Amino acid sequence: MAEMTRQLMPADDKPYDPTATRPPAEPLWRDALGHCLRRLRLERGEILVETARRAGVSPQYLSEMERGVKEPSSEMIAAVAGALDVTLGDLTLAVATSLLTAPAAAPPAGPTCQAAYALAA
């Protein structure tokens, strides 16, 4: 019996168009956290080295946190919050509020996201 191959199409049966405009992605927690940390640090008039030293982290790590590159542990977030003289609860509330006020975006879609959702279920 001869095998037939068929072209796989995304779940919405539309061919992939790399030039199509995508709706803005919903901000990630780490991006919102980083933005909030940088804002708090700058409001205090501090440079990375000062805040990082008090938090017990390297300036490079704090910079990566602020840029949303790192997924910091809760211990690291608490250390930086303490160095900025804010409670973990207040920092979390500020980040959550910034996420709530961010422009609404469509939830991720496409075959990769659907597969991830299926695996998570």
PDB file of N, CA and C in Angstrom:
ATOM      1  N   MET A   1       0.840  -1.165   0.000  1.00  0.00           N
ATOM      2  CA  MET A   1       0.000   0.000   0.000  1.00  0.00           C
ATOM      3  C   MET A   1       0.891   1.236   0.000  1.00  0.00           C
ATOM      4  N   ALA A   2       0.663   2.153  -0.898  1.00  0.00           N
ATOM      5  CA  ALA A   2       1.479   3.349  -1.030  1.00  0.00           C
ATOM      6  C   ALA A   2       1.092   4.354   0.054  1.00  0.00           C
ATOM      7  N   GLU A   3       2.101   4.963   0.617  1.00  0.00           N
ATOM      8  CA  GLU A   3       1.839   5.981   1.634  1.00  0.00           C
ATOM      9  C   GLU A   3       1.619   7.321   0.964  1.00  0.00           C
ATOM     10  N   MET A   4       0.658   8.026   1.452  1.00  0.00           N
ATOM     11  CA  MET A   4       0.388   9.358   0.928  1.00  0.00           C
ATOM     12  C   MET A   4       0.793  10.374   1.980  1.00  0.00           C
ATOM     13  N   THR A   5       1.389  11.432   1.539  1.00  0.00           N
ATOM     14  CA  THR A   5       1.730  12.512   2.463  1.00  0.00           C
ATOM     15  C   THR A   5       0.854  13.697   2.147  1.00  0.00           C
ATOM     16  N   ARG A   6       0.541  14.411   3.174  1.00  0.00           N
ATOM     17  CA  ARG A   6      -0.240  15.614   2.958  1.00  0.00           C
ATOM     18  C   ARG A   6       0.411  16.750   3.739  1.00  0.00           C
ATOM     19  N   GLN A   7       0.224  17.926   3.237  1.00  0.00           N
ATOM     20  CA  GLN A   7       0.788  19.094   3.887  1.00  0.00           C
ATOM     21  C   GLN A   7       0.014  19.381   5.167  1.00  0.00           C
ATOM     22  N   LEU A   8       0.734  19.556   6.255  1.00  0.00           N
ATOM     23  CA  LEU A   8       0.090  19.895   7.525  1.00  0.00           C
ATOM     24  C   LEU A   8      -0.231  21.381   7.536  1.00  0.00           C
ATOM     25  N   MET A   9      -1.404  21.686   7.950  1.00  0.00           N
ATOM     26  CA  MET A   9      -1.850  23.074   8.041  1.00  0.00           C
ATOM     27  C   MET A   9      -2.091  23.408   9.502  1.00  0.00           C
ATOM     28  N   PRO A  10      -1.943  24.674   9.876  1.00  0.00           N
ATOM     29  CA  PRO A  10      -2.273  25.059  11.245  1.00  0.00           C
ATOM     30  C   PRO A  10      -3.725  24.707  11.554  1.00  0.00           C
ATOM     31  N   ALA A  11      -4.051  24.683  12.819  1.00  0.00           N
ATOM     32  CA  ALA A  11      -5.378  24.267  13.264  1.00  0.00           C
ATOM     33  C   ALA A  11      -6.493  25.114  12.666  1.00  0.00           C
ATOM     34  N   ASP A  12      -6.212  26.369  12.329  1.00  0.00           N
ATOM     35  CA  ASP A  12      -7.278  27.199  11.778  1.00  0.00           C
ATOM     36  C   ASP A  12      -7.392  27.034  10.260  1.00  0.00           C
ATOM     37  N   ASP A  13      -6.678  26.085   9.670  1.00  0.00           N
ATOM     38  CA  ASP A  13      -6.714  25.753   8.245  1.00  0.00           C
ATOM     39  C   ASP A  13      -6.297  26.899   7.331  1.00  0.00           C
ATOM     40  N   LYS A  14      -5.573  27.859   7.854  1.00  0.00           N
ATOM     41  CA  LYS A  14      -5.046  28.934   7.032  1.00  0.00           C
ATOM     42  C   LYS A  14      -3.548  28.722   6.879  1.00  0.00           C
ATOM     43  N   PRO A  15      -3.025  28.915   5.682  1.00  0.00           N
ATOM     44  CA  PRO A  15      -1.582  28.758   5.524  1.00  0.00           C
ATOM     45  C   PRO A  15      -0.834  29.821   6.329  1.00  0.00           C
ATOM     46  N   TYR A  16       0.341  29.476   6.774  1.00  0.00           N
ATOM     47  CA  TYR A  16       1.159  30.396   7.568  1.00  0.00           C
ATOM     48  C   TYR A  16       1.618  31.545   6.686  1.00  0.00           C
ATOM     49  N   ASP A  17       1.408  32.750   7.148  1.00  0.00           N
ATOM     50  CA  ASP A  17       1.833  33.941   6.423  1.00  0.00           C
ATOM     51  C   ASP A  17       2.743  34.746   7.339  1.00  0.00           C
ATOM     52  N   PRO A  18       4.079  34.677   7.112  1.00  0.00           N
ATOM     53  CA  PRO A  18       5.002  35.387   8.004  1.00  0.00           C
ATOM     54  C   PRO A  18       4.877  36.901   7.922  1.00  0.00           C
ATOM     55  N   THR A  19       4.244  37.414   6.872  1.00  0.00           N
ATOM     56  CA  THR A  19       4.108  38.866   6.740  1.00  0.00           C
ATOM     57  C   THR A  19       2.823  39.384   7.372  1.00  0.00           C
ATOM     58  N   ALA A  20       1.944  38.477   7.795  1.00  0.00           N
ATOM     59  CA  ALA A  20       0.680  38.901   8.404  1.00  0.00           C
ATOM     60  C   ALA A  20       0.974  39.621   9.719  1.00  0.00           C
ATOM     61  N   THR A  21       0.184  40.639   9.988  1.00  0.00           N
ATOM     62  CA  THR A  21       0.373  41.354  11.246  1.00  0.00           C
ATOM     63  C   THR A  21      -0.267  40.557  12.364  1.00  0.00           C
ATOM     64  N   ARG A  22       0.422  40.489  13.452  1.00  0.00           N
ATOM     65  CA  ARG A  22      -0.063  39.760  14.619  1.00  0.00           C
ATOM     66  C   ARG A  22      -0.536  40.755  15.659  1.00  0.00           C
ATOM     67  N   PRO A  23      -1.538  40.369  16.423  1.00  0.00           N
ATOM     68  CA  PRO A  23      -1.950  41.263  17.508  1.00  0.00           C
ATOM     69  C   PRO A  23      -0.823  41.326  18.535  1.00  0.00           C
ATOM     70  N   PRO A  24      -0.716  42.418  19.257  1.00  0.00           N
ATOM     71  CA  PRO A  24       0.354  42.520  20.244  1.00  0.00           C
ATOM     72  C   PRO A  24       0.224  41.405  21.278  1.00  0.00           C
ATOM     73  N   ALA A  25       1.359  40.839  21.619  1.00  0.00           N
ATOM     74  CA  ALA A  25       1.366  39.757  22.598  1.00  0.00           C
ATOM     75  C   ALA A  25       1.095  40.323  23.988  1.00  0.00           C
ATOM     76  N   GLU A  26       0.421  39.531  24.792  1.00  0.00           N
ATOM     77  CA  GLU A  26       0.193  39.926  26.169  1.00  0.00           C
ATOM     78  C   GLU A  26       1.539  39.953  26.880  1.00  0.00           C
ATOM     79  N   PRO A  27       1.805  40.980  27.693  1.00  0.00           N
ATOM     80  CA  PRO A  27       3.104  41.047  28.367  1.00  0.00           C
ATOM     81  C   PRO A  27       3.292  39.862  29.307  1.00  0.00           C
ATOM     82  N   LEU A  28       4.517  39.421  29.413  1.00  0.00           N
ATOM     83  CA  LEU A  28       4.851  38.342  30.333  1.00  0.00           C
ATOM     84  C   LEU A  28       5.078  38.907  31.728  1.00  0.00           C
ATOM     85  N   TRP A  29       4.884  38.056  32.726  1.00  0.00           N
ATOM     86  CA  TRP A  29       5.094  38.452  34.119  1.00  0.00           C
ATOM     87  C   TRP A  29       6.508  38.982  34.309  1.00  0.00           C
ATOM     88  N   ARG A  30       7.504  38.283  33.768  1.00  0.00           N
ATOM     89  CA  ARG A  30       8.897  38.691  33.992  1.00  0.00           C
ATOM     90  C   ARG A  30       9.180  40.052  33.363  1.00  0.00           C
ATOM     91  N   ASP A  31       8.521  40.378  32.240  1.00  0.00           N
ATOM     92  CA  ASP A  31       8.704  41.696  31.631  1.00  0.00           C
ATOM     93  C   ASP A  31       8.085  42.785  32.504  1.00  0.00           C
ATOM     94  N   ALA A  32       6.874  42.535  32.982  1.00  0.00           N
ATOM     95  CA  ALA A  32       6.203  43.512  33.841  1.00  0.00           C
ATOM     96  C   ALA A  32       6.964  43.684  35.157  1.00  0.00           C
ATOM     97  N   LEU A  33       7.467  42.596  35.711  1.00  0.00           N
ATOM     98  CA  LEU A  33       8.259  42.652  36.940  1.00  0.00           C
ATOM     99  C   LEU A  33       9.510  43.492  36.706  1.00  0.00           C
ATOM    100  N   GLY A  34      10.210  43.218  35.625  1.00  0.00           N
ATOM    101  CA  GLY A  34      11.435  43.949  35.325  1.00  0.00           C
ATOM    102  C   GLY A  34      11.192  45.436  35.159  1.00  0.00           C
ATOM    103  N   HIS A  35      10.112  45.780  34.463  1.00  0.00           N
ATOM    104  CA  HIS A  35       9.778  47.191  34.271  1.00  0.00           C
ATOM    105  C   HIS A  35       9.511  47.857  35.619  1.00  0.00           C
ATOM    106  N   CYS A  36       8.795  47.170  36.475  1.00  0.00           N
ATOM    107  CA  CYS A  36       8.462  47.709  37.791  1.00  0.00           C
ATOM    108  C   CYS A  36       9.727  47.868  38.653  1.00  0.00           C
ATOM    109  N   LEU A  37      10.603  46.871  38.627  1.00  0.00           N
ATOM    110  CA  LEU A  37      11.850  46.953  39.403  1.00  0.00           C
ATOM    111  C   LEU A  37      12.702  48.124  38.939  1.00  0.00           C
ATOM    112  N   ARG A  38      12.834  48.279  37.622  1.00  0.00           N
ATOM    113  CA  ARG A  38      13.645  49.384  37.093  1.00  0.00           C
ATOM    114  C   ARG A  38      13.036  50.729  37.487  1.00  0.00           C
ATOM    115  N   ARG A  39      11.706  50.847  37.386  1.00  0.00           N
ATOM    116  CA  ARG A  39      11.047  52.103  37.756  1.00  0.00           C
ATOM    117  C   ARG A  39      11.302  52.438  39.225  1.00  0.00           C
ATOM    118  N   LEU A  40      11.166  51.426  40.092  1.00  0.00           N
ATOM    119  CA  LEU A  40      11.395  51.655  41.521  1.00  0.00           C
ATOM    120  C   LEU A  40      12.840  52.062  41.801  1.00  0.00           C
ATOM    121  N   ARG A  41      13.770  51.401  41.136  1.00  0.00           N
ATOM    122  CA  ARG A  41      15.191  51.706  41.341  1.00  0.00           C
ATOM    123  C   ARG A  41      15.498  53.124  40.874  1.00  0.00           C
ATOM    124  N   LEU A  42      14.986  53.503  39.701  1.00  0.00           N
ATOM    125  CA  LEU A  42      15.251  54.838  39.175  1.00  0.00           C
ATOM    126  C   LEU A  42      14.575  55.924  40.012  1.00  0.00           C
ATOM    127  N   GLU A  43      13.386  55.618  40.556  1.00  0.00           N
ATOM    128  CA  GLU A  43      12.716  56.579  41.444  1.00  0.00           C
ATOM    129  C   GLU A  43      13.561  56.866  42.674  1.00  0.00           C
ATOM    130  N   ARG A  44      14.337  55.881  43.102  1.00  0.00           N
ATOM    131  CA  ARG A  44      15.226  56.050  44.247  1.00  0.00           C
ATOM    132  C   ARG A  44      16.533  56.736  43.856  1.00  0.00           C
ATOM    133  N   GLY A  45      16.746  56.911  42.562  1.00  0.00           N
ATOM    134  CA  GLY A  45      17.970  57.551  42.084  1.00  0.00           C
ATOM    135  C   GLY A  45      19.192  56.664  42.219  1.00  0.00           C
ATOM    136  N   GLU A  46      18.978  55.356  42.148  1.00  0.00           N
ATOM    137  CA  GLU A  46      20.089  54.415  42.332  1.00  0.00           C
ATOM    138  C   GLU A  46      20.559  53.841  41.001  1.00  0.00           C
ATOM    139  N   ILE A  47      21.819  53.423  41.022  1.00  0.00           N
ATOM    140  CA  ILE A  47      22.353  52.683  39.888  1.00  0.00           C
ATOM    141  C   ILE A  47      22.270  51.199  40.217  1.00  0.00           C
ATOM    142  N   LEU A  48      22.379  50.374  39.175  1.00  0.00           N
ATOM    143  CA  LEU A  48      22.258  48.918  39.353  1.00  0.00           C
ATOM    144  C   LEU A  48      23.155  48.385  40.462  1.00  0.00           C
ATOM    145  N   VAL A  49      24.383  48.849  40.509  1.00  0.00           N
ATOM    146  CA  VAL A  49      25.360  48.312  41.463  1.00  0.00           C
ATOM    147  C   VAL A  49      24.886  48.505  42.904  1.00  0.00           C
ATOM    148  N   GLU A  50      24.308  49.658  43.194  1.00  0.00           N
ATOM    149  CA  GLU A  50      23.874  49.936  44.569  1.00  0.00           C
ATOM    150  C   GLU A  50      22.741  48.997  44.984  1.00  0.00           C
ATOM    151  N   THR A  51      21.736  48.895  44.139  1.00  0.00           N
ATOM    152  CA  THR A  51      20.592  48.044  44.470  1.00  0.00           C
ATOM    153  C   THR A  51      21.009  46.577  44.517  1.00  0.00           C
ATOM    154  N   ALA A  52      21.813  46.155  43.549  1.00  0.00           N
ATOM    155  CA  ALA A  52      22.258  44.760  43.490  1.00  0.00           C
ATOM    156  C   ALA A  52      23.066  44.392  44.732  1.00  0.00           C
ATOM    157  N   ARG A  53      23.928  45.291  45.176  1.00  0.00           N
ATOM    158  CA  ARG A  53      24.742  45.013  46.360  1.00  0.00           C
ATOM    159  C   ARG A  53      23.861  44.780  47.580  1.00  0.00           C
ATOM    160  N   ARG A  54      22.869  45.654  47.788  1.00  0.00           N
ATOM    161  CA  ARG A  54      21.978  45.487  48.939  1.00  0.00           C
ATOM    162  C   ARG A  54      21.134  44.224  48.825  1.00  0.00           C
ATOM    163  N   ALA A  55      20.765  43.843  47.599  1.00  0.00           N
ATOM    164  CA  ALA A  55      19.933  42.649  47.403  1.00  0.00           C
ATOM    165  C   ALA A  55      20.751  41.361  47.467  1.00  0.00           C
ATOM    166  N   GLY A  56      22.068  41.488  47.348  1.00  0.00           N
ATOM    167  CA  GLY A  56      22.914  40.288  47.368  1.00  0.00           C
ATOM    168  C   GLY A  56      22.922  39.551  46.041  1.00  0.00           C
ATOM    169  N   VAL A  57      22.708  40.295  44.951  1.00  0.00           N
ATOM    170  CA  VAL A  57      22.767  39.702  43.615  1.00  0.00           C
ATOM    171  C   VAL A  57      23.788  40.485  42.804  1.00  0.00           C
ATOM    172  N   SER A  58      24.230  39.910  41.712  1.00  0.00           N
ATOM    173  CA  SER A  58      25.183  40.621  40.861  1.00  0.00           C
ATOM    174  C   SER A  58      24.448  41.696  40.065  1.00  0.00           C
ATOM    175  N   PRO A  59      25.151  42.763  39.710  1.00  0.00           N
ATOM    176  CA  PRO A  59      24.525  43.792  38.873  1.00  0.00           C
ATOM    177  C   PRO A  59      24.046  43.217  37.537  1.00  0.00           C
ATOM    178  N   GLN A  60      24.776  42.253  37.006  1.00  0.00           N
ATOM    179  CA  GLN A  60      24.367  41.625  35.747  1.00  0.00           C
ATOM    180  C   GLN A  60      23.029  40.906  35.908  1.00  0.00           C
ATOM    181  N   TYR A  61      22.884  40.196  37.023  1.00  0.00           N
ATOM    182  CA  TYR A  61      21.633  39.462  37.259  1.00  0.00           C
ATOM    183  C   TYR A  61      20.466  40.443  37.421  1.00  0.00           C
ATOM    184  N   LEU A  62      20.678  41.515  38.176  1.00  0.00           N
ATOM    185  CA  LEU A  62      19.619  42.504  38.357  1.00  0.00           C
ATOM    186  C   LEU A  62      19.259  43.138  37.019  1.00  0.00           C
ATOM    187  N   SER A  63      20.258  43.414  36.204  1.00  0.00           N
ATOM    188  CA  SER A  63      19.997  43.970  34.876  1.00  0.00           C
ATOM    189  C   SER A  63      19.156  43.011  34.044  1.00  0.00           C
ATOM    190  N   GLU A  64      19.471  41.720  34.113  1.00  0.00           N
ATOM    191  CA  GLU A  64      18.695  40.722  33.374  1.00  0.00           C
ATOM    192  C   GLU A  64      17.271  40.620  33.908  1.00  0.00           C
ATOM    193  N   MET A  65      17.109  40.766  35.219  1.00  0.00           N
ATOM    194  CA  MET A  65      15.760  40.774  35.799  1.00  0.00           C
ATOM    195  C   MET A  65      14.978  41.976  35.263  1.00  0.00           C
ATOM    196  N   GLU A  66      15.610  43.139  35.265  1.00  0.00           N
ATOM    197  CA  GLU A  66      14.937  44.354  34.823  1.00  0.00           C
ATOM    198  C   GLU A  66      14.579  44.309  33.335  1.00  0.00           C
ATOM    199  N   ARG A  67      15.382  43.628  32.546  1.00  0.00           N
ATOM    200  CA  ARG A  67      15.112  43.532  31.110  1.00  0.00           C
ATOM    201  C   ARG A  67      14.162  42.389  30.766  1.00  0.00           C
ATOM    202  N   GLY A  68      13.746  41.620  31.771  1.00  0.00           N
ATOM    203  CA  GLY A  68      12.821  40.520  31.533  1.00  0.00           C
ATOM    204  C   GLY A  68      13.480  39.306  30.908  1.00  0.00           C
ATOM    205  N   VAL A  69      14.797  39.205  31.039  1.00  0.00           N
ATOM    206  CA  VAL A  69      15.536  38.083  30.464  1.00  0.00           C
ATOM    207  C   VAL A  69      15.510  36.879  31.404  1.00  0.00           C
ATOM    208  N   LYS A  70      15.541  37.134  32.693  1.00  0.00           N
ATOM    209  CA  LYS A  70      15.567  36.062  33.699  1.00  0.00           C
ATOM    210  C   LYS A  70      14.180  35.785  34.242  1.00  0.00           C
ATOM    211  N   GLU A  71      13.955  34.536  34.621  1.00  0.00           N
ATOM    212  CA  GLU A  71      12.772  34.113  35.377  1.00  0.00           C
ATOM    213  C   GLU A  71      13.251  33.955  36.814  1.00  0.00           C
ATOM    214  N   PRO A  72      13.299  35.032  37.587  1.00  0.00           N
ATOM    215  CA  PRO A  72      13.891  34.938  38.920  1.00  0.00           C
ATOM    216  C   PRO A  72      13.040  34.123  39.885  1.00  0.00           C
ATOM    217  N   SER A  73      13.715  33.513  40.843  1.00  0.00           N
ATOM    218  CA  SER A  73      13.004  32.761  41.879  1.00  0.00           C
ATOM    219  C   SER A  73      12.312  33.749  42.817  1.00  0.00           C
ATOM    220  N   SER A  74      11.390  33.231  43.597  1.00  0.00           N
ATOM    221  CA  SER A  74      10.688  34.096  44.546  1.00  0.00           C
ATOM    222  C   SER A  74      11.668  34.668  45.573  1.00  0.00           C
ATOM    223  N   GLU A  75      12.710  33.920  45.911  1.00  0.00           N
ATOM    224  CA  GLU A  75      13.722  34.412  46.855  1.00  0.00           C
ATOM    225  C   GLU A  75      14.464  35.604  46.272  1.00  0.00           C
ATOM    226  N   MET A  76      14.793  35.537  44.980  1.00  0.00           N
ATOM    227  CA  MET A  76      15.505  36.641  44.330  1.00  0.00           C
ATOM    228  C   MET A  76      14.602  37.874  44.241  1.00  0.00           C
ATOM    229  N   ILE A  77      13.343  37.652  43.902  1.00  0.00           N
ATOM    230  CA  ILE A  77      12.401  38.769  43.807  1.00  0.00           C
ATOM    231  C   ILE A  77      12.257  39.425  45.179  1.00  0.00           C
ATOM    232  N   ALA A  78      12.135  38.617  46.222  1.00  0.00           N
ATOM    233  CA  ALA A  78      12.004  39.151  47.578  1.00  0.00           C
ATOM    234  C   ALA A  78      13.255  39.924  47.987  1.00  0.00           C
ATOM    235  N   ALA A  79      14.427  39.442  47.615  1.00  0.00           N
ATOM    236  CA  ALA A  79      15.678  40.125  47.961  1.00  0.00           C
ATOM    237  C   ALA A  79      15.747  41.498  47.291  1.00  0.00           C
ATOM    238  N   VAL A  80      15.381  41.560  46.024  1.00  0.00           N
ATOM    239  CA  VAL A  80      15.424  42.843  45.317  1.00  0.00           C
ATOM    240  C   VAL A  80      14.332  43.776  45.844  1.00  0.00           C
ATOM    241  N   ALA A  81      13.161  43.235  46.128  1.00  0.00           N
ATOM    242  CA  ALA A  81      12.093  44.057  46.705  1.00  0.00           C
ATOM    243  C   ALA A  81      12.560  44.669  48.023  1.00  0.00           C
ATOM    244  N   GLY A  82      13.182  43.856  48.864  1.00  0.00           N
ATOM    245  CA  GLY A  82      13.697  44.359  50.136  1.00  0.00           C
ATOM    246  C   GLY A  82      14.741  45.443  49.939  1.00  0.00           C
ATOM    247  N   ALA A  83      15.610  45.256  48.947  1.00  0.00           N
ATOM    248  CA  ALA A  83      16.634  46.262  48.664  1.00  0.00           C
ATOM    249  C   ALA A  83      16.018  47.568  48.190  1.00  0.00           C
ATOM    250  N   LEU A  84      14.836  47.489  47.610  1.00  0.00           N
ATOM    251  CA  LEU A  84      14.132  48.688  47.136  1.00  0.00           C
ATOM    252  C   LEU A  84      13.131  49.215  48.170  1.00  0.00           C
ATOM    253  N   ASP A  85      13.161  48.621  49.369  1.00  0.00           N
ATOM    254  CA  ASP A  85      12.290  49.023  50.475  1.00  0.00           C
ATOM    255  C   ASP A  85      10.805  48.911  50.146  1.00  0.00           C
ATOM    256  N   VAL A  86      10.428  47.868  49.423  1.00  0.00           N
ATOM    257  CA  VAL A  86       9.021  47.570  49.189  1.00  0.00           C
ATOM    258  C   VAL A  86       8.772  46.130  49.637  1.00  0.00           C
ATOM    259  N   THR A  87       7.558  45.858  50.035  1.00  0.00           N
ATOM    260  CA  THR A  87       7.226  44.492  50.429  1.00  0.00           C
ATOM    261  C   THR A  87       6.987  43.661  49.174  1.00  0.00           C
ATOM    262  N   LEU A  88       7.115  42.381  49.332  1.00  0.00           N
ATOM    263  CA  LEU A  88       6.848  41.476  48.217  1.00  0.00           C
ATOM    264  C   LEU A  88       5.385  41.598  47.782  1.00  0.00           C
ATOM    265  N   GLY A  89       4.496  41.781  48.739  1.00  0.00           N
ATOM    266  CA  GLY A  89       3.078  41.962  48.423  1.00  0.00           C
ATOM    267  C   GLY A  89       2.826  43.221  47.617  1.00  0.00           C
ATOM    268  N   ASP A  90       3.458  44.337  48.019  1.00  0.00           N
ATOM    269  CA  ASP A  90       3.284  45.587  47.284  1.00  0.00           C
ATOM    270  C   ASP A  90       3.867  45.489  45.882  1.00  0.00           C
ATOM    271  N   LEU A  91       5.010  44.837  45.753  1.00  0.00           N
ATOM    272  CA  LEU A  91       5.625  44.659  44.431  1.00  0.00           C
ATOM    273  C   LEU A  91       4.729  43.797  43.549  1.00  0.00           C
ATOM    274  N   THR A  92       4.218  42.713  44.106  1.00  0.00           N
ATOM    275  CA  THR A  92       3.341  41.821  43.347  1.00  0.00           C
ATOM    276  C   THR A  92       2.085  42.556  42.900  1.00  0.00           C
ATOM    277  N   LEU A  93       1.519  43.360  43.786  1.00  0.00           N
ATOM    278  CA  LEU A  93       0.331  44.137  43.444  1.00  0.00           C
ATOM    279  C   LEU A  93       0.626  45.137  42.327  1.00  0.00           C
ATOM    280  N   ALA A  94       1.781  45.782  42.393  1.00  0.00           N
ATOM    281  CA  ALA A  94       2.150  46.751  41.356  1.00  0.00           C
ATOM    282  C   ALA A  94       2.312  46.065  40.004  1.00  0.00           C
ATOM    283  N   VAL A  95       2.951  44.893  40.005  1.00  0.00           N
ATOM    284  CA  VAL A  95       3.140  44.156  38.754  1.00  0.00           C
ATOM    285  C   VAL A  95       1.790  43.689  38.211  1.00  0.00           C
ATOM    286  N   ALA A  96       0.950  43.138  39.088  1.00  0.00           N
ATOM    287  CA  ALA A  96      -0.366  42.665  38.657  1.00  0.00           C
ATOM    288  C   ALA A  96      -1.207  43.810  38.108  1.00  0.00           C
ATOM    289  N   THR A  97      -1.134  44.966  38.740  1.00  0.00           N
ATOM    290  CA  THR A  97      -1.883  46.125  38.265  1.00  0.00           C
ATOM    291  C   THR A  97      -1.388  46.555  36.892  1.00  0.00           C
ATOM    292  N   SER A  98      -0.086  46.526  36.695  1.00  0.00           N
ATOM    293  CA  SER A  98       0.438  46.912  35.378  1.00  0.00           C
ATOM    294  C   SER A  98      -0.010  45.922  34.306  1.00  0.00           C
ATOM    295  N   LEU A  99      -0.119  44.645  34.664  1.00  0.00           N
ATOM    296  CA  LEU A  99      -0.600  43.656  33.701  1.00  0.00           C
ATOM    297  C   LEU A  99      -2.079  43.852  33.396  1.00  0.00           C
ATOM    298  N   LEU A 100      -2.849  44.228  34.406  1.00  0.00           N
ATOM    299  CA  LEU A 100      -4.281  44.458  34.203  1.00  0.00           C
ATOM    300  C   LEU A 100      -4.548  45.674  33.332  1.00  0.00           C
ATOM    301  N   THR A 101      -3.681  46.670  33.400  1.00  0.00           N
ATOM    302  CA  THR A 101      -3.882  47.880  32.619  1.00  0.00           C
ATOM    303  C   THR A 101      -3.217  47.807  31.250  1.00  0.00           C
ATOM    304  N   ALA A 102      -2.479  46.729  30.975  1.00  0.00           N
ATOM    305  CA  ALA A 102      -1.851  46.562  29.664  1.00  0.00           C
ATOM    306  C   ALA A 102      -2.937  46.318  28.630  1.00  0.00           C
ATOM    307  N   PRO A 103      -2.688  46.739  27.390  1.00  0.00           N
ATOM    308  CA  PRO A 103      -3.700  46.491  26.352  1.00  0.00           C
ATOM    309  C   PRO A 103      -4.002  45.009  26.244  1.00  0.00           C
ATOM    310  N   ALA A 104      -5.275  44.696  26.120  1.00  0.00           N
ATOM    311  CA  ALA A 104      -5.684  43.295  26.007  1.00  0.00           C
ATOM    312  C   ALA A 104      -5.200  42.745  24.676  1.00  0.00           C
ATOM    313  N   ALA A 105      -4.708  41.540  24.723  1.00  0.00           N
ATOM    314  CA  ALA A 105      -4.241  40.883  23.508  1.00  0.00           C
ATOM    315  C   ALA A 105      -4.980  39.573  23.358  1.00  0.00           C
ATOM    316  N   ALA A 106      -5.013  39.115  22.156  1.00  0.00           N
ATOM    317  CA  ALA A 106      -5.630  37.814  21.902  1.00  0.00           C
ATOM    318  C   ALA A 106      -4.783  36.742  22.565  1.00  0.00           C
ATOM    319  N   PRO A 107      -5.397  35.702  23.100  1.00  0.00           N
ATOM    320  CA  PRO A 107      -4.609  34.629  23.686  1.00  0.00           C
ATOM    321  C   PRO A 107      -3.774  33.967  22.609  1.00  0.00           C
ATOM    322  N   PRO A 108      -2.625  33.387  22.984  1.00  0.00           N
ATOM    323  CA  PRO A 108      -1.796  32.734  21.994  1.00  0.00           C
ATOM    324  C   PRO A 108      -2.594  31.686  21.231  1.00  0.00           C
ATOM    325  N   ALA A 109      -2.313  31.579  19.951  1.00  0.00           N
ATOM    326  CA  ALA A 109      -3.025  30.614  19.121  1.00  0.00           C
ATOM    327  C   ALA A 109      -2.041  29.963  18.173  1.00  0.00           C
ATOM    328  N   GLY A 110      -2.509  29.004  17.459  1.00  0.00           N
ATOM    329  CA  GLY A 110      -1.659  28.321  16.497  1.00  0.00           C
ATOM    330  C   GLY A 110      -1.356  26.922  16.952  1.00  0.00           C
ATOM    331  N   PRO A 111      -0.754  26.150  16.072  1.00  0.00           N
ATOM    332  CA  PRO A 111      -0.531  24.742  16.385  1.00  0.00           C
ATOM    333  C   PRO A 111       0.401  24.522  17.566  1.00  0.00           C
ATOM    334  N   THR A 112       1.418  25.360  17.712  1.00  0.00           N
ATOM    335  CA  THR A 112       2.351  25.165  18.815  1.00  0.00           C
ATOM    336  C   THR A 112       1.664  25.403  20.140  1.00  0.00           C
ATOM    337  N   CYS A 113       0.900  26.483  20.232  1.00  0.00           N
ATOM    338  CA  CYS A 113       0.201  26.794  21.488  1.00  0.00           C
ATOM    339  C   CYS A 113      -0.868  25.758  21.786  1.00  0.00           C
ATOM    340  N   GLN A 114      -1.566  25.310  20.761  1.00  0.00           N
ATOM    341  CA  GLN A 114      -2.602  24.308  20.984  1.00  0.00           C
ATOM    342  C   GLN A 114      -1.972  23.009  21.468  1.00  0.00           C
ATOM    343  N   ALA A 115      -0.815  22.671  20.938  1.00  0.00           N
ATOM    344  CA  ALA A 115      -0.130  21.466  21.394  1.00  0.00           C
ATOM    345  C   ALA A 115       0.313  21.638  22.852  1.00  0.00           C
ATOM    346  N   ALA A 116       0.783  22.827  23.190  1.00  0.00           N
ATOM    347  CA  ALA A 116       1.196  23.075  24.569  1.00  0.00           C
ATOM    348  C   ALA A 116       0.010  22.971  25.507  1.00  0.00           C
ATOM    349  N   TYR A 117      -1.135  23.538  25.102  1.00  0.00           N
ATOM    350  CA  TYR A 117      -2.326  23.428  25.925  1.00  0.00           C
ATOM    351  C   TYR A 117      -2.747  21.976  26.083  1.00  0.00           C
ATOM    352  N   ALA A 118      -2.647  21.197  25.008  1.00  0.00           N
ATOM    353  CA  ALA A 118      -3.033  19.792  25.052  1.00  0.00           C
ATOM    354  C   ALA A 118      -2.125  19.024  26.002  1.00  0.00           C
ATOM    355  N   LEU A 119      -0.829  19.342  25.964  1.00  0.00           N
ATOM    356  CA  LEU A 119       0.117  18.658  26.857  1.00  0.00           C
ATOM    357  C   LEU A 119      -0.134  19.049  28.311  1.00  0.00           C
ATOM    358  N   ALA A 120      -0.545  20.298  28.534  1.00  0.00           N
ATOM    359  CA  ALA A 120      -0.777  20.761  29.888  1.00  0.00           C
ATOM    360  C   ALA A 120      -2.050  20.152  30.474  1.00  0.00           C
ATOM    361  N   ALA A 121      -2.968  19.753  29.641  1.00  0.00           N
ATOM    362  CA  ALA A 121      -4.245  19.232  30.115  1.00  0.00           C
ATOM    363  C   ALA A 121      -4.141  17.840  30.673  1.00  0.00           C
TER     364      ALA A 121
END
